[in-house]
Amino acid sequence: MSKNNSNSSSTAKTHKAALDRFKTEVASELGINLKEGYNGDLTSKEAGSIGGEMVRRMIQRQEESMQ
């Protein structure tokens, strides 16, 4: 593996970890209990609430950074 691929892999892992922390934070604030790993027992409504809130916050942060 070239050095560039190694850096890309490391960066991707860092971004995934950050998104996982963000997802856990949002779920906690919404009162939804997430477990490490598989969360297939979530309802569609719960999963959608988490994802929707994540998107809302990401858009808000981007809009704030553009001002």
PDB file of N, CA and C in Angstrom:
ATOM      1  N   MET A   1       0.845  -1.168   0.000  1.00  0.00           N
ATOM      2  CA  MET A   1       0.000   0.000   0.000  1.00  0.00           C
ATOM      3  C   MET A   1       0.891   1.231   0.000  1.00  0.00           C
ATOM      4  N   SER A   2       0.579   2.155  -0.855  1.00  0.00           N
ATOM      5  CA  SER A   2       1.377   3.370  -0.921  1.00  0.00           C
ATOM      6  C   SER A   2       1.055   4.266   0.270  1.00  0.00           C
ATOM      7  N   LYS A   3       1.933   5.215   0.506  1.00  0.00           N
ATOM      8  CA  LYS A   3       1.748   6.130   1.628  1.00  0.00           C
ATOM      9  C   LYS A   3       0.453   6.922   1.470  1.00  0.00           C
ATOM     10  N   ASN A   4       0.125   7.328   0.254  1.00  0.00           N
ATOM     11  CA  ASN A   4      -1.086   8.099   0.010  1.00  0.00           C
ATOM     12  C   ASN A   4      -2.330   7.290   0.372  1.00  0.00           C
ATOM     13  N   ASN A   5      -2.366   6.011  -0.004  1.00  0.00           N
ATOM     14  CA  ASN A   5      -3.506   5.164   0.335  1.00  0.00           C
ATOM     15  C   ASN A   5      -3.609   4.973   1.837  1.00  0.00           C
ATOM     16  N   SER A   6      -2.475   4.872   2.501  1.00  0.00           N
ATOM     17  CA  SER A   6      -2.454   4.714   3.951  1.00  0.00           C
ATOM     18  C   SER A   6      -3.030   5.948   4.620  1.00  0.00           C
ATOM     19  N   ASN A   7      -2.654   7.131   4.146  1.00  0.00           N
ATOM     20  CA  ASN A   7      -3.185   8.375   4.703  1.00  0.00           C
ATOM     21  C   ASN A   7      -4.677   8.491   4.463  1.00  0.00           C
ATOM     22  N   SER A   8      -5.134   8.095   3.285  1.00  0.00           N
ATOM     23  CA  SER A   8      -6.558   8.142   2.956  1.00  0.00           C
ATOM     24  C   SER A   8      -7.342   7.209   3.868  1.00  0.00           C
ATOM     25  N   SER A   9      -6.807   6.039   4.107  1.00  0.00           N
ATOM     26  CA  SER A   9      -7.465   5.070   4.972  1.00  0.00           C
ATOM     27  C   SER A   9      -7.549   5.595   6.398  1.00  0.00           C
ATOM     28  N   SER A  10      -6.479   6.192   6.865  1.00  0.00           N
ATOM     29  CA  SER A  10      -6.449   6.752   8.212  1.00  0.00           C
ATOM     30  C   SER A  10      -7.439   7.904   8.341  1.00  0.00           C
ATOM     31  N   THR A  11      -7.498   8.753   7.324  1.00  0.00           N
ATOM     32  CA  THR A  11      -8.427   9.876   7.330  1.00  0.00           C
ATOM     33  C   THR A  11      -9.867   9.376   7.325  1.00  0.00           C
ATOM     34  N   ALA A  12     -10.150   8.363   6.526  1.00  0.00           N
ATOM     35  CA  ALA A  12     -11.500   7.801   6.461  1.00  0.00           C
ATOM     36  C   ALA A  12     -11.910   7.225   7.819  1.00  0.00           C
ATOM     37  N   LYS A  13     -10.994   6.558   8.488  1.00  0.00           N
ATOM     38  CA  LYS A  13     -11.298   6.002   9.810  1.00  0.00           C
ATOM     39  C   LYS A  13     -11.562   7.107  10.819  1.00  0.00           C
ATOM     40  N   THR A  14     -10.804   8.185  10.731  1.00  0.00           N
ATOM     41  CA  THR A  14     -10.992   9.322  11.629  1.00  0.00           C
ATOM     42  C   THR A  14     -12.359   9.959  11.400  1.00  0.00           C
ATOM     43  N   HIS A  15     -12.741  10.121  10.128  1.00  0.00           N
ATOM     44  CA  HIS A  15     -14.039  10.708   9.808  1.00  0.00           C
ATOM     45  C   HIS A  15     -15.178   9.810  10.256  1.00  0.00           C
ATOM     46  N   LYS A  16     -15.026   8.496  10.076  1.00  0.00           N
ATOM     47  CA  LYS A  16     -16.064   7.559  10.503  1.00  0.00           C
ATOM     48  C   LYS A  16     -16.235   7.614  12.014  1.00  0.00           C
ATOM     49  N   ALA A  17     -15.132   7.682  12.749  1.00  0.00           N
ATOM     50  CA  ALA A  17     -15.206   7.762  14.207  1.00  0.00           C
ATOM     51  C   ALA A  17     -15.913   9.047  14.642  1.00  0.00           C
ATOM     52  N   ALA A  18     -15.621  10.151  13.962  1.00  0.00           N
ATOM     53  CA  ALA A  18     -16.262  11.427  14.296  1.00  0.00           C
ATOM     54  C   ALA A  18     -17.765  11.359  14.023  1.00  0.00           C
ATOM     55  N   LEU A  19     -18.160  10.771  12.901  1.00  0.00           N
ATOM     56  CA  LEU A  19     -19.584  10.632  12.588  1.00  0.00           C
ATOM     57  C   LEU A  19     -20.279   9.718  13.584  1.00  0.00           C
ATOM     58  N   ASP A  20     -19.605   8.655  14.004  1.00  0.00           N
ATOM     59  CA  ASP A  20     -20.183   7.752  15.002  1.00  0.00           C
ATOM     60  C   ASP A  20     -20.408   8.479  16.330  1.00  0.00           C
ATOM     61  N   ARG A  21     -19.446   9.310  16.743  1.00  0.00           N
ATOM     62  CA  ARG A  21     -19.614  10.092  17.976  1.00  0.00           C
ATOM     63  C   ARG A  21     -20.770  11.078  17.830  1.00  0.00           C
ATOM     64  N   PHE A  22     -20.855  11.720  16.674  1.00  0.00           N
ATOM     65  CA  PHE A  22     -21.932  12.667  16.393  1.00  0.00           C
ATOM     66  C   PHE A  22     -23.285  11.960  16.441  1.00  0.00           C
ATOM     67  N   LYS A  23     -23.365  10.793  15.825  1.00  0.00           N
ATOM     68  CA  LYS A  23     -24.606  10.015  15.808  1.00  0.00           C
ATOM     69  C   LYS A  23     -25.021   9.630  17.227  1.00  0.00           C
ATOM     70  N   THR A  24     -24.064   9.199  18.032  1.00  0.00           N
ATOM     71  CA  THR A  24     -24.352   8.814  19.407  1.00  0.00           C
ATOM     72  C   THR A  24     -24.838  10.008  20.213  1.00  0.00           C
ATOM     73  N   GLU A  25     -24.205  11.164  20.004  1.00  0.00           N
ATOM     74  CA  GLU A  25     -24.602  12.399  20.700  1.00  0.00           C
ATOM     75  C   GLU A  25     -26.036  12.785  20.340  1.00  0.00           C
ATOM     76  N   VAL A  26     -26.351  12.765  19.050  1.00  0.00           N
ATOM     77  CA  VAL A  26     -27.697  13.135  18.602  1.00  0.00           C
ATOM     78  C   VAL A  26     -28.723  12.141  19.146  1.00  0.00           C
ATOM     79  N   ALA A  27     -28.429  10.864  19.064  1.00  0.00           N
ATOM     80  CA  ALA A  27     -29.360   9.843  19.557  1.00  0.00           C
ATOM     81  C   ALA A  27     -29.627  10.038  21.043  1.00  0.00           C
ATOM     82  N   SER A  28     -28.576  10.307  21.790  1.00  0.00           N
ATOM     83  CA  SER A  28     -28.725  10.527  23.232  1.00  0.00           C
ATOM     84  C   SER A  28     -29.624  11.722  23.511  1.00  0.00           C
ATOM     85  N   GLU A  29     -29.411  12.806  22.780  1.00  0.00           N
ATOM     86  CA  GLU A  29     -30.229  14.008  22.965  1.00  0.00           C
ATOM     87  C   GLU A  29     -31.692  13.768  22.591  1.00  0.00           C
ATOM     88  N   LEU A  30     -31.927  12.832  21.669  1.00  0.00           N
ATOM     89  CA  LEU A  30     -33.296  12.505  21.263  1.00  0.00           C
ATOM     90  C   LEU A  30     -33.917  11.432  22.157  1.00  0.00           C
ATOM     91  N   GLY A  31     -33.125  10.907  23.102  1.00  0.00           N
ATOM     92  CA  GLY A  31     -33.625   9.879  24.008  1.00  0.00           C
ATOM     93  C   GLY A  31     -33.664   8.492  23.397  1.00  0.00           C
ATOM     94  N   ILE A  32     -32.839   8.268  22.372  1.00  0.00           N
ATOM     95  CA  ILE A  32     -32.776   6.968  21.698  1.00  0.00           C
ATOM     96  C   ILE A  32     -31.489   6.279  22.123  1.00  0.00           C
ATOM     97  N   ASN A  33     -31.602   5.063  22.611  1.00  0.00           N
ATOM     98  CA  ASN A  33     -30.458   4.323  23.115  1.00  0.00           C
ATOM     99  C   ASN A  33     -29.773   3.557  21.986  1.00  0.00           C
ATOM    100  N   LEU A  34     -28.534   3.948  21.669  1.00  0.00           N
ATOM    101  CA  LEU A  34     -27.736   3.228  20.676  1.00  0.00           C
ATOM    102  C   LEU A  34     -26.740   2.333  21.389  1.00  0.00           C
ATOM    103  N   LYS A  35     -26.488   1.171  20.795  1.00  0.00           N
ATOM    104  CA  LYS A  35     -25.483   0.247  21.310  1.00  0.00           C
ATOM    105  C   LYS A  35     -24.250   0.319  20.429  1.00  0.00           C
ATOM    106  N   GLU A  36     -23.132  -0.184  20.932  1.00  0.00           N
ATOM    107  CA  GLU A  36     -21.931  -0.339  20.096  1.00  0.00           C
ATOM    108  C   GLU A  36     -22.267  -1.337  19.007  1.00  0.00           C
ATOM    109  N   GLY A  37     -21.918  -1.033  17.784  1.00  0.00           N
ATOM    110  CA  GLY A  37     -22.123  -1.982  16.688  1.00  0.00           C
ATOM    111  C   GLY A  37     -23.531  -1.956  16.132  1.00  0.00           C
ATOM    112  N   TYR A  38     -24.116  -3.137  16.005  1.00  0.00           N
ATOM    113  CA  TYR A  38     -25.400  -3.329  15.326  1.00  0.00           C
ATOM    114  C   TYR A  38     -26.565  -2.754  16.121  1.00  0.00           C
ATOM    115  N   ASN A  39     -27.395  -1.971  15.463  1.00  0.00           N
ATOM    116  CA  ASN A  39     -28.585  -1.383  16.082  1.00  0.00           C
ATOM    117  C   ASN A  39     -29.828  -1.682  15.264  1.00  0.00           C
ATOM    118  N   GLY A  40     -29.937  -2.915  14.796  1.00  0.00           N
ATOM    119  CA  GLY A  40     -31.051  -3.315  13.951  1.00  0.00           C
ATOM    120  C   GLY A  40     -32.395  -3.334  14.651  1.00  0.00           C
ATOM    121  N   ASP A  41     -32.396  -3.184  15.972  1.00  0.00           N
ATOM    122  CA  ASP A  41     -33.656  -3.180  16.699  1.00  0.00           C
ATOM    123  C   ASP A  41     -34.312  -1.801  16.746  1.00  0.00           C
ATOM    124  N   LEU A  42     -33.648  -0.782  16.168  1.00  0.00           N
ATOM    125  CA  LEU A  42     -34.258   0.543  16.098  1.00  0.00           C
ATOM    126  C   LEU A  42     -35.432   0.527  15.133  1.00  0.00           C
ATOM    127  N   THR A  43     -36.438   1.311  15.441  1.00  0.00           N
ATOM    128  CA  THR A  43     -37.538   1.450  14.491  1.00  0.00           C
ATOM    129  C   THR A  43     -37.084   2.374  13.352  1.00  0.00           C
ATOM    130  N   SER A  44     -37.798   2.335  12.257  1.00  0.00           N
ATOM    131  CA  SER A  44     -37.498   3.245  11.148  1.00  0.00           C
ATOM    132  C   SER A  44     -37.647   4.691  11.596  1.00  0.00           C
ATOM    133  N   LYS A  45     -38.624   4.951  12.425  1.00  0.00           N
ATOM    134  CA  LYS A  45     -38.849   6.306  12.928  1.00  0.00           C
ATOM    135  C   LYS A  45     -37.663   6.778  13.755  1.00  0.00           C
ATOM    136  N   GLU A  46     -37.136   5.908  14.629  1.00  0.00           N
ATOM    137  CA  GLU A  46     -35.989   6.279  15.456  1.00  0.00           C
ATOM    138  C   GLU A  46     -34.751   6.539  14.598  1.00  0.00           C
ATOM    139  N   ALA A  47     -34.480   5.615  13.673  1.00  0.00           N
ATOM    140  CA  ALA A  47     -33.307   5.768  12.809  1.00  0.00           C
ATOM    141  C   ALA A  47     -33.425   7.024  11.955  1.00  0.00           C
ATOM    142  N   GLY A  48     -34.624   7.269  11.428  1.00  0.00           N
ATOM    143  CA  GLY A  48     -34.844   8.464  10.614  1.00  0.00           C
ATOM    144  C   GLY A  48     -34.714   9.747  11.412  1.00  0.00           C
ATOM    145  N   SER A  49     -35.154   9.700  12.662  1.00  0.00           N
ATOM    146  CA  SER A  49     -35.026  10.874  13.530  1.00  0.00           C
ATOM    147  C   SER A  49     -33.566  11.220  13.766  1.00  0.00           C
ATOM    148  N   ILE A  50     -32.759  10.198  14.002  1.00  0.00           N
ATOM    149  CA  ILE A  50     -31.325  10.422  14.224  1.00  0.00           C
ATOM    150  C   ILE A  50     -30.687  10.999  12.969  1.00  0.00           C
ATOM    151  N   GLY A  51     -30.896  10.348  11.838  1.00  0.00           N
ATOM    152  CA  GLY A  51     -30.304  10.805  10.580  1.00  0.00           C
ATOM    153  C   GLY A  51     -30.783  12.190  10.186  1.00  0.00           C
ATOM    154  N   GLY A  52     -32.065  12.439  10.349  1.00  0.00           N
ATOM    155  CA  GLY A  52     -32.619  13.749   9.996  1.00  0.00           C
ATOM    156  C   GLY A  52     -32.032  14.869  10.841  1.00  0.00           C
ATOM    157  N   GLU A  53     -31.898  14.601  12.136  1.00  0.00           N
ATOM    158  CA  GLU A  53     -31.329  15.614  13.027  1.00  0.00           C
ATOM    159  C   GLU A  53     -29.859  15.843  12.713  1.00  0.00           C
ATOM    160  N   MET A  54     -29.138  14.784  12.366  1.00  0.00           N
ATOM    161  CA  MET A  54     -27.729  14.932  11.987  1.00  0.00           C
ATOM    162  C   MET A  54     -27.612  15.842  10.768  1.00  0.00           C
ATOM    163  N   VAL A  55     -28.453  15.606   9.768  1.00  0.00           N
ATOM    164  CA  VAL A  55     -28.419  16.412   8.545  1.00  0.00           C
ATOM    165  C   VAL A  55     -28.770  17.867   8.849  1.00  0.00           C
ATOM    166  N   ARG A  56     -29.818  18.086   9.656  1.00  0.00           N
ATOM    167  CA  ARG A  56     -30.197  19.453  10.022  1.00  0.00           C
ATOM    168  C   ARG A  56     -29.027  20.190  10.669  1.00  0.00           C
ATOM    169  N   ARG A  57     -28.348  19.516  11.583  1.00  0.00           N
ATOM    170  CA  ARG A  57     -27.229  20.163  12.280  1.00  0.00           C
ATOM    171  C   ARG A  57     -26.046  20.410  11.353  1.00  0.00           C
ATOM    172  N   MET A  58     -25.772  19.462  10.446  1.00  0.00           N
ATOM    173  CA  MET A  58     -24.657  19.657   9.515  1.00  0.00           C
ATOM    174  C   MET A  58     -24.937  20.835   8.582  1.00  0.00           C
ATOM    175  N   ILE A  59     -26.179  20.949   8.113  1.00  0.00           N
ATOM    176  CA  ILE A  59     -26.549  22.069   7.245  1.00  0.00           C
ATOM    177  C   ILE A  59     -26.430  23.384   8.017  1.00  0.00           C
ATOM    178  N   GLN A  60     -26.918  23.394   9.250  1.00  0.00           N
ATOM    179  CA  GLN A  60     -26.846  24.599  10.067  1.00  0.00           C
ATOM    180  C   GLN A  60     -25.396  25.028  10.278  1.00  0.00           C
ATOM    181  N   ARG A  61     -24.515  24.084  10.603  1.00  0.00           N
ATOM    182  CA  ARG A  61     -23.110  24.411  10.807  1.00  0.00           C
ATOM    183  C   ARG A  61     -22.479  24.946   9.531  1.00  0.00           C
ATOM    184  N   GLN A  62     -22.817  24.345   8.393  1.00  0.00           N
ATOM    185  CA  GLN A  62     -22.253  24.813   7.120  1.00  0.00           C
ATOM    186  C   GLN A  62     -22.740  26.212   6.809  1.00  0.00           C
ATOM    187  N   GLU A  63     -24.020  26.473   7.017  1.00  0.00           N
ATOM    188  CA  GLU A  63     -24.556  27.816   6.768  1.00  0.00           C
ATOM    189  C   GLU A  63     -23.896  28.847   7.679  1.00  0.00           C
ATOM    190  N   GLU A  64     -23.683  28.483   8.935  1.00  0.00           N
ATOM    191  CA  GLU A  64     -23.021  29.399   9.868  1.00  0.00           C
ATOM    192  C   GLU A  64     -21.582  29.690   9.444  1.00  0.00           C
ATOM    193  N   SER A  65     -20.905  28.688   8.923  1.00  0.00           N
ATOM    194  CA  SER A  65     -19.508  28.884   8.526  1.00  0.00           C
ATOM    195  C   SER A  65     -19.399  29.719   7.246  1.00  0.00           C
ATOM    196  N   MET A  66     -20.467  29.805   6.472  1.00  0.00           N
ATOM    197  CA  MET A  66     -20.452  30.555   5.219  1.00  0.00           C
ATOM    198  C   MET A  66     -20.772  32.036   5.449  1.00  0.00           C
ATOM    199  N   GLN A  67     -21.259  32.378   6.618  1.00  0.00           N
ATOM    200  CA  GLN A  67     -21.641  33.772   6.889  1.00  0.00           C
ATOM    201  C   GLN A  67     -20.450  34.611   7.254  1.00  0.00           C
TER     202      GLN A  67
END
